[in-house]
Protein backbone atom coordinates (compact mmCIF):
# COMPACT_ATOMS: atom_id res chain seq x y z
CA UNK A 1 0.00 0.00 0.00
CA UNK A 2 1.29 3.42 -0.94
CA UNK A 3 2.59 5.51 1.99
CA UNK A 4 1.29 8.62 0.16
CA UNK A 5 -2.30 7.59 0.84
CA UNK A 6 -3.10 9.19 4.19
CA UNK A 7 -6.60 7.68 4.44
CA UNK A 8 -7.46 4.07 5.09
CA UNK A 9 -11.03 4.55 3.83
CA UNK A 10 -13.08 7.06 1.89
CA UNK A 11 -16.82 6.50 2.36
CA UNK A 12 -19.45 8.01 0.07
CA UNK A 13 -23.21 7.86 0.32
CA UNK A 14 -26.08 8.69 2.64
CA UNK A 15 -25.70 10.96 5.66
CA UNK A 16 -28.80 11.61 7.72
CA UNK A 17 -30.31 11.20 11.17
CA UNK A 18 -32.29 8.29 12.59
CA UNK A 19 -35.32 8.88 14.79
CA UNK A 20 -35.76 5.66 16.78
CA UNK A 21 -39.21 5.02 18.24
CA UNK A 22 -39.83 1.90 20.28
CA UNK A 23 -43.21 0.24 20.76
CA UNK A 24 -44.94 1.68 17.69
CA UNK A 25 -44.59 -0.69 14.73
CA UNK A 26 -48.33 -1.37 14.19
CA UNK A 27 -49.92 1.91 13.14
CA UNK A 28 -53.45 2.29 11.78
CA UNK A 29 -55.03 5.32 10.05
CA UNK A 30 -57.04 7.46 12.41
CA UNK A 31 -55.27 6.20 15.55
CA UNK A 32 -52.46 7.48 17.72
CA UNK A 33 -49.96 5.40 19.69
CA UNK A 34 -47.42 6.28 22.34
CA UNK A 35 -43.79 5.23 21.94
CA UNK A 36 -42.02 3.82 24.97
CA UNK A 37 -38.69 5.43 24.04
CA UNK A 38 -37.23 7.87 21.53
CA UNK A 39 -33.74 8.76 20.34
CA UNK A 40 -32.47 11.06 17.58
CA UNK A 41 -29.03 9.99 16.49
CA UNK A 42 -26.63 9.71 13.55
CA UNK A 43 -28.09 7.45 10.88
CA UNK A 44 -27.47 6.48 7.29
CA UNK A 45 -25.66 3.31 6.27
CA UNK A 46 -22.67 5.20 4.90
CA UNK A 47 -22.31 7.66 7.77
CA UNK A 48 -22.70 4.94 10.42
CA UNK A 49 -19.99 2.92 8.67
CA UNK A 50 -17.71 5.97 8.38
CA UNK A 51 -18.18 6.93 12.04
CA UNK A 52 -17.50 3.43 13.32
CA UNK A 53 -14.54 2.94 10.99
CA UNK A 54 -12.94 6.03 12.51
CA UNK A 55 -13.75 4.88 16.06
CA UNK A 56 -12.08 1.56 15.27
CA UNK A 57 -8.88 3.39 14.40
CA UNK A 58 -9.13 3.61 10.60
CA UNK A 59 -8.27 6.98 9.08
CA UNK A 60 -11.59 7.75 7.44
CA UNK A 61 -13.11 10.54 5.36
CA UNK A 62 -16.64 10.95 4.07
CA UNK A 63 -17.99 12.41 0.84
CA UNK A 64 -21.68 13.28 0.83
CA UNK A 65 -24.28 16.09 0.75
CA UNK A 66 -26.25 17.51 3.68
CA UNK A 67 -28.67 20.40 4.04
CA UNK A 68 -27.98 23.67 5.83
CA UNK A 69 -30.30 22.84 8.73
CA UNK A 70 -30.23 21.51 12.28
CA UNK A 71 -30.22 17.88 11.13
CA UNK A 72 -27.25 18.55 8.86
CA UNK A 73 -25.44 20.34 11.67
CA UNK A 74 -25.95 17.34 13.94
CA UNK A 75 -24.72 14.93 11.23
CA UNK A 76 -21.58 17.03 10.75
CA UNK A 77 -21.00 17.37 14.51
CA UNK A 78 -21.34 13.64 15.18
CA UNK A 79 -19.07 12.65 12.31
CA UNK A 80 -16.39 15.11 13.42
CA UNK A 81 -16.72 13.98 17.03
CA UNK A 82 -16.20 10.42 15.85
CA UNK A 83 -12.96 11.36 14.12
CA UNK A 84 -14.16 11.43 10.51
CA UNK A 85 -12.50 13.81 8.04
CA UNK A 86 -15.43 15.91 6.75
CA UNK A 87 -13.70 18.14 4.19
CA UNK A 88 -15.58 16.47 1.29
CA UNK A 89 -19.04 16.90 2.80
CA UNK A 90 -20.98 19.47 0.76
CA UNK A 91 -23.63 21.65 2.41
CA UNK A 92 -26.48 22.60 0.09
CA UNK A 93 -28.65 25.42 1.56
CA UNK A 94 -31.51 24.57 -0.81
CA UNK A 95 -31.95 21.04 0.54
CA UNK A 96 -33.15 19.40 3.73
CA UNK A 97 -31.00 16.74 5.37
CA UNK A 98 -32.58 13.29 5.19
CA UNK A 99 -34.27 11.48 8.06
CA UNK A 100 -35.27 7.87 8.73
CA UNK A 101 -37.95 7.13 11.32
CA UNK A 102 -37.57 3.58 12.66
CA UNK A 103 -40.57 2.00 14.38
CA UNK A 104 -39.61 -0.99 16.54
CA UNK A 105 -41.62 -3.41 18.66
CA UNK A 106 -40.83 -6.93 19.94
CA UNK A 107 -37.73 -7.34 17.74
CA UNK A 108 -39.67 -6.24 14.62
CA UNK A 109 -38.68 -3.09 12.79
CA UNK A 110 -39.96 -0.92 9.94
CA UNK A 111 -38.64 2.38 8.64
CA UNK A 112 -39.77 5.41 6.67
CA UNK A 113 -37.08 7.55 5.04
CA UNK A 114 -37.30 11.09 3.75
CA UNK A 115 -34.28 11.14 1.38
CA UNK A 116 -33.75 14.90 1.17
CA UNK A 117 -30.09 15.59 0.44
CA UNK A 118 -29.33 11.87 -0.01
CA UNK A 119 -30.72 12.11 -3.55
CA UNK A 120 -28.25 14.89 -4.37
CA UNK A 121 -25.04 12.88 -3.90
CA UNK A 122 -23.41 12.72 -7.34
CA UNK A 123 -20.24 11.70 -9.11
CA UNK A 124 -18.92 15.24 -8.65
CA UNK A 125 -19.10 14.82 -4.87
CA UNK A 126 -16.36 12.16 -4.99
CA UNK A 127 -13.35 14.09 -6.35
CA UNK A 128 -10.39 12.22 -7.79
CA UNK A 129 -8.05 13.75 -5.20
CA UNK A 130 -10.15 12.17 -2.45
CA UNK A 131 -9.90 8.76 -4.13
CA UNK A 132 -6.16 9.19 -4.60
CA UNK A 133 -5.78 9.87 -0.87
CA UNK A 134 -7.43 6.59 0.18
CA UNK A 135 -6.48 2.93 0.20
CA UNK A 136 -10.11 1.85 0.07
CA UNK A 137 -13.37 3.32 -1.24
CA UNK A 138 -16.79 2.29 0.11
CA UNK A 139 -20.35 3.23 -0.83
CA UNK A 140 -23.34 2.45 1.42
CA UNK A 141 -27.11 2.53 0.83
CA UNK A 142 -26.60 2.35 -2.92
CA UNK A 143 -30.30 2.13 -3.81
CA UNK A 144 -31.04 5.42 -2.03
CA UNK A 145 -28.37 7.28 -4.02
CA UNK A 146 -30.45 8.09 -7.08
CA UNK A 147 -28.03 10.80 -8.17
CA UNK A 148 -25.28 8.18 -8.55
CA UNK A 149 -27.13 5.36 -10.31
CA UNK A 150 -26.39 6.39 -13.87
CA UNK A 151 -22.71 6.98 -13.01
CA UNK A 152 -22.10 4.03 -10.68
CA UNK A 153 -19.94 2.10 -13.14
CA UNK A 154 -17.94 5.25 -13.89
CA UNK A 155 -17.45 5.98 -10.19
CA UNK A 156 -16.12 2.56 -9.27
CA UNK A 157 -13.98 2.31 -12.40
CA UNK A 158 -12.50 5.69 -11.47
CA UNK A 159 -11.82 4.48 -7.92
CA UNK A 160 -10.03 1.41 -9.25
CA UNK A 161 -7.99 3.55 -11.65
CA UNK A 162 -7.03 5.78 -8.70
CA UNK A 163 -5.57 2.72 -6.95
CA UNK A 164 -8.35 2.01 -4.43
CA UNK A 165 -9.83 -1.28 -3.47
CA UNK A 166 -13.61 -0.94 -3.47
CA UNK A 167 -16.74 -2.11 -1.66
CA UNK A 168 -20.48 -1.54 -1.75
CA UNK A 169 -23.45 -2.17 0.54
CA UNK A 170 -26.71 -1.84 -1.37
CA UNK A 171 -29.30 -1.81 1.48
CA UNK A 172 -33.02 -2.13 0.76
CA UNK A 173 -34.40 -0.89 -2.56
CA UNK A 174 -37.59 1.17 -1.99
CA UNK A 175 -38.17 1.26 -5.76
CA UNK A 176 -38.25 -2.54 -5.92
CA UNK A 177 -36.15 -2.80 -9.11
CA UNK A 178 -33.02 -4.20 -7.41
CA UNK A 179 -30.64 -3.00 -10.12
CA UNK A 180 -30.42 0.78 -10.88
CA UNK A 181 -27.00 0.30 -12.50
CA UNK A 182 -25.68 -1.97 -9.75
CA UNK A 183 -25.11 -5.03 -11.93
CA UNK A 184 -22.98 -3.01 -14.36
CA UNK A 185 -20.88 -1.65 -11.48
CA UNK A 186 -20.28 -4.99 -9.71
CA UNK A 187 -17.26 -6.02 -11.85
CA UNK A 188 -15.44 -2.95 -10.47
CA UNK A 189 -16.28 -3.78 -6.85
CA UNK A 190 -13.87 -5.88 -4.80
CA UNK A 191 -16.22 -6.60 -1.88
CA UNK A 192 -20.00 -6.72 -2.11
CA UNK A 193 -21.68 -6.51 1.35
CA UNK A 194 -25.45 -7.19 1.11
CA UNK A 195 -27.65 -9.03 3.58
CA UNK A 196 -29.23 -12.29 2.47
CA UNK A 197 -32.63 -10.84 1.54
CA UNK A 198 -31.02 -8.11 -0.57
CA UNK A 199 -28.76 -10.60 -2.35
CA UNK A 200 -31.71 -12.85 -3.20
CA UNK A 201 -33.70 -9.90 -4.55
CA UNK A 202 -30.79 -8.82 -6.76
CA UNK A 203 -30.12 -12.34 -8.07
CA UNK A 204 -33.87 -12.99 -8.42
CA UNK A 205 -33.70 -16.35 -6.62
CA UNK A 206 -35.00 -17.47 -3.22
CA UNK A 207 -31.93 -19.38 -2.01
CA UNK A 208 -29.02 -17.30 -0.65
CA UNK A 209 -26.31 -19.79 -1.65
CA UNK A 210 -27.68 -19.99 -5.18
CA UNK A 211 -27.83 -16.19 -5.26
CA UNK A 212 -24.18 -15.95 -4.20
CA UNK A 213 -23.13 -18.44 -6.87
CA UNK A 214 -25.12 -16.56 -9.50
CA UNK A 215 -23.49 -13.20 -8.72
CA UNK A 216 -20.00 -14.67 -8.29
CA UNK A 217 -19.50 -14.28 -12.04
CA UNK A 218 -19.59 -10.50 -11.52
CA UNK A 219 -17.81 -9.97 -8.19
CA UNK A 220 -15.15 -12.23 -6.68
CA UNK A 221 -15.83 -11.53 -2.98
CA UNK A 222 -19.40 -11.42 -1.64
CA UNK A 223 -19.84 -11.14 2.12
CA UNK A 224 -23.48 -11.82 2.97
CA UNK A 225 -24.76 -10.71 6.38
CA UNK A 226 -27.19 -13.26 7.80
CA UNK A 227 -28.00 -11.70 11.18
CA UNK A 228 -27.78 -13.99 14.19
CA UNK A 229 -26.80 -16.89 11.88
CA UNK A 230 -23.51 -15.20 10.99
CA UNK A 231 -22.02 -14.61 7.55
CA UNK A 232 -21.95 -16.41 4.21
CA UNK A 233 -18.87 -15.68 2.11
CA UNK A 234 -18.43 -16.35 -1.59
CA UNK A 235 -14.75 -16.01 -2.52
CA UNK A 236 -13.94 -16.78 -6.14
CA UNK A 237 -17.11 -18.85 -6.28
CA UNK A 238 -16.29 -20.95 -3.19
CA UNK A 239 -18.86 -20.69 -0.38
CA UNK A 240 -18.08 -20.74 3.33
CA UNK A 241 -20.25 -19.98 6.36
CA UNK A 242 -19.10 -18.29 9.57
CA UNK A 243 -21.20 -18.64 12.71
CA UNK A 244 -21.87 -15.63 14.89
CA UNK A 245 -21.42 -15.86 18.64
CA UNK A 246 -24.57 -15.35 20.70
CA UNK A 247 -25.32 -11.81 21.77
CA UNK A 248 -28.02 -10.05 23.77
CA UNK A 249 -29.40 -7.41 21.44
CA UNK A 250 -30.57 -4.08 22.82
CA UNK A 251 -31.06 -2.60 19.35
CA UNK A 252 -30.14 -3.90 15.89
CA UNK A 253 -30.07 -0.50 14.16
CA UNK A 254 -26.83 -0.18 12.19
CA UNK A 255 -25.54 -3.68 13.03
CA UNK A 256 -24.91 -4.46 9.36
CA UNK A 257 -23.23 -1.09 8.82
CA UNK A 258 -21.08 -1.76 11.88
CA UNK A 259 -20.13 -5.13 10.38
CA UNK A 260 -18.98 -3.19 7.32
CA UNK A 261 -16.87 -0.93 9.55
CA UNK A 262 -15.18 -3.79 11.38
CA UNK A 263 -14.54 -5.70 8.17
CA UNK A 264 -13.22 -2.69 6.23
CA UNK A 265 -11.06 -1.39 9.08
CA UNK A 266 -9.00 -4.54 8.62
CA UNK A 267 -9.48 -5.10 4.88
CA UNK A 268 -8.23 -1.60 4.05
CA UNK A 269 -4.97 -2.42 5.83
CA UNK A 270 -4.40 -5.66 3.97
CA UNK A 271 -5.44 -8.04 6.76
CA UNK A 272 -6.30 -11.57 5.61
CA UNK A 273 -9.92 -12.34 4.85
CA UNK A 274 -10.61 -14.65 7.82
CA UNK A 275 -9.60 -11.93 10.29
CA UNK A 276 -11.62 -9.30 8.40
CA UNK A 277 -14.74 -11.41 8.79
CA UNK A 278 -14.16 -12.00 12.50
CA UNK A 279 -13.53 -8.28 13.03
CA UNK A 280 -16.75 -7.50 11.16
CA UNK A 281 -18.78 -9.84 13.33
CA UNK A 282 -17.19 -8.42 16.49
CA UNK A 283 -18.17 -4.89 15.43
CA UNK A 284 -21.73 -5.99 14.63
CA UNK A 285 -22.00 -7.64 18.06
CA UNK A 286 -20.71 -4.47 19.70
CA UNK A 287 -23.31 -2.39 17.86
CA UNK A 288 -26.11 -4.47 19.39
CA UNK A 289 -25.19 -3.32 22.91
CA UNK A 290 -26.53 0.25 22.52
CA UNK A 291 -29.45 2.04 20.90
CA UNK A 292 -28.61 3.46 17.45
CA UNK A 293 -25.92 2.61 14.94
CA UNK A 294 -23.00 4.50 16.49
CA UNK A 295 -23.59 4.83 20.22
CA UNK A 296 -21.83 1.56 21.13
CA UNK A 297 -18.67 2.95 19.48
CA UNK A 298 -18.59 6.10 21.60
CA UNK A 299 -17.67 4.15 24.74
């Protein structure tokens, strides 16, 4: 790895807040329910990953767009407090910063997202000098980044040309198409980090192992997050499962993004794959011990 690259990771993608409401998942028109708890905290797959990467000791920067509002100010404050380099975060005074409201009850969860500035993230927000400063480039919440979809292949090809290894976490697709340029970009992605439901949707099959085998022709390393059952890895078409250790979960928000952080903190430094996976699972387990995606990493 080049000593001239001062960043371990550059993360691009969504940056917003999460409003976490507990005890309110079943809502009916014309009724009102009371939540048992509430927390407003840093959200967004990409920004959670960036924050936790930095807290795990990786030199991390983020490239994204936020609004000039109180939510954007909180996003910026929390990223800076976590140790993230924010010089490539653009503030657009004409936009509102995004927000996801998570409703949780009895281990079930459903979310509603107002994208706001998330839609505005574009190819121009990931400058070549930022890519040249990093060993690794990661994008989270791909399906929410509508401003990047038509340029996804260009972006990842540019990152590879700049000397970065690359990764992507797609997250859920509200549009239900499960492509939006992703399949064209996958050959330029070194590590694909979906969960099992997302992978099956993208591959259009019901079996996660079959889905991994189907997409292995496009990307050599697929790390599939399977929740409490651990991780399924497809490496050059060879499948291997890793069991997760048991954990008492206080809140699962951001656990997958925290897995990304633990995995990439090691992967960006050239650590062997087995250790990267174990570090990812350790970070996901840590995330479960506090409410929100980043609060367990502030201890």
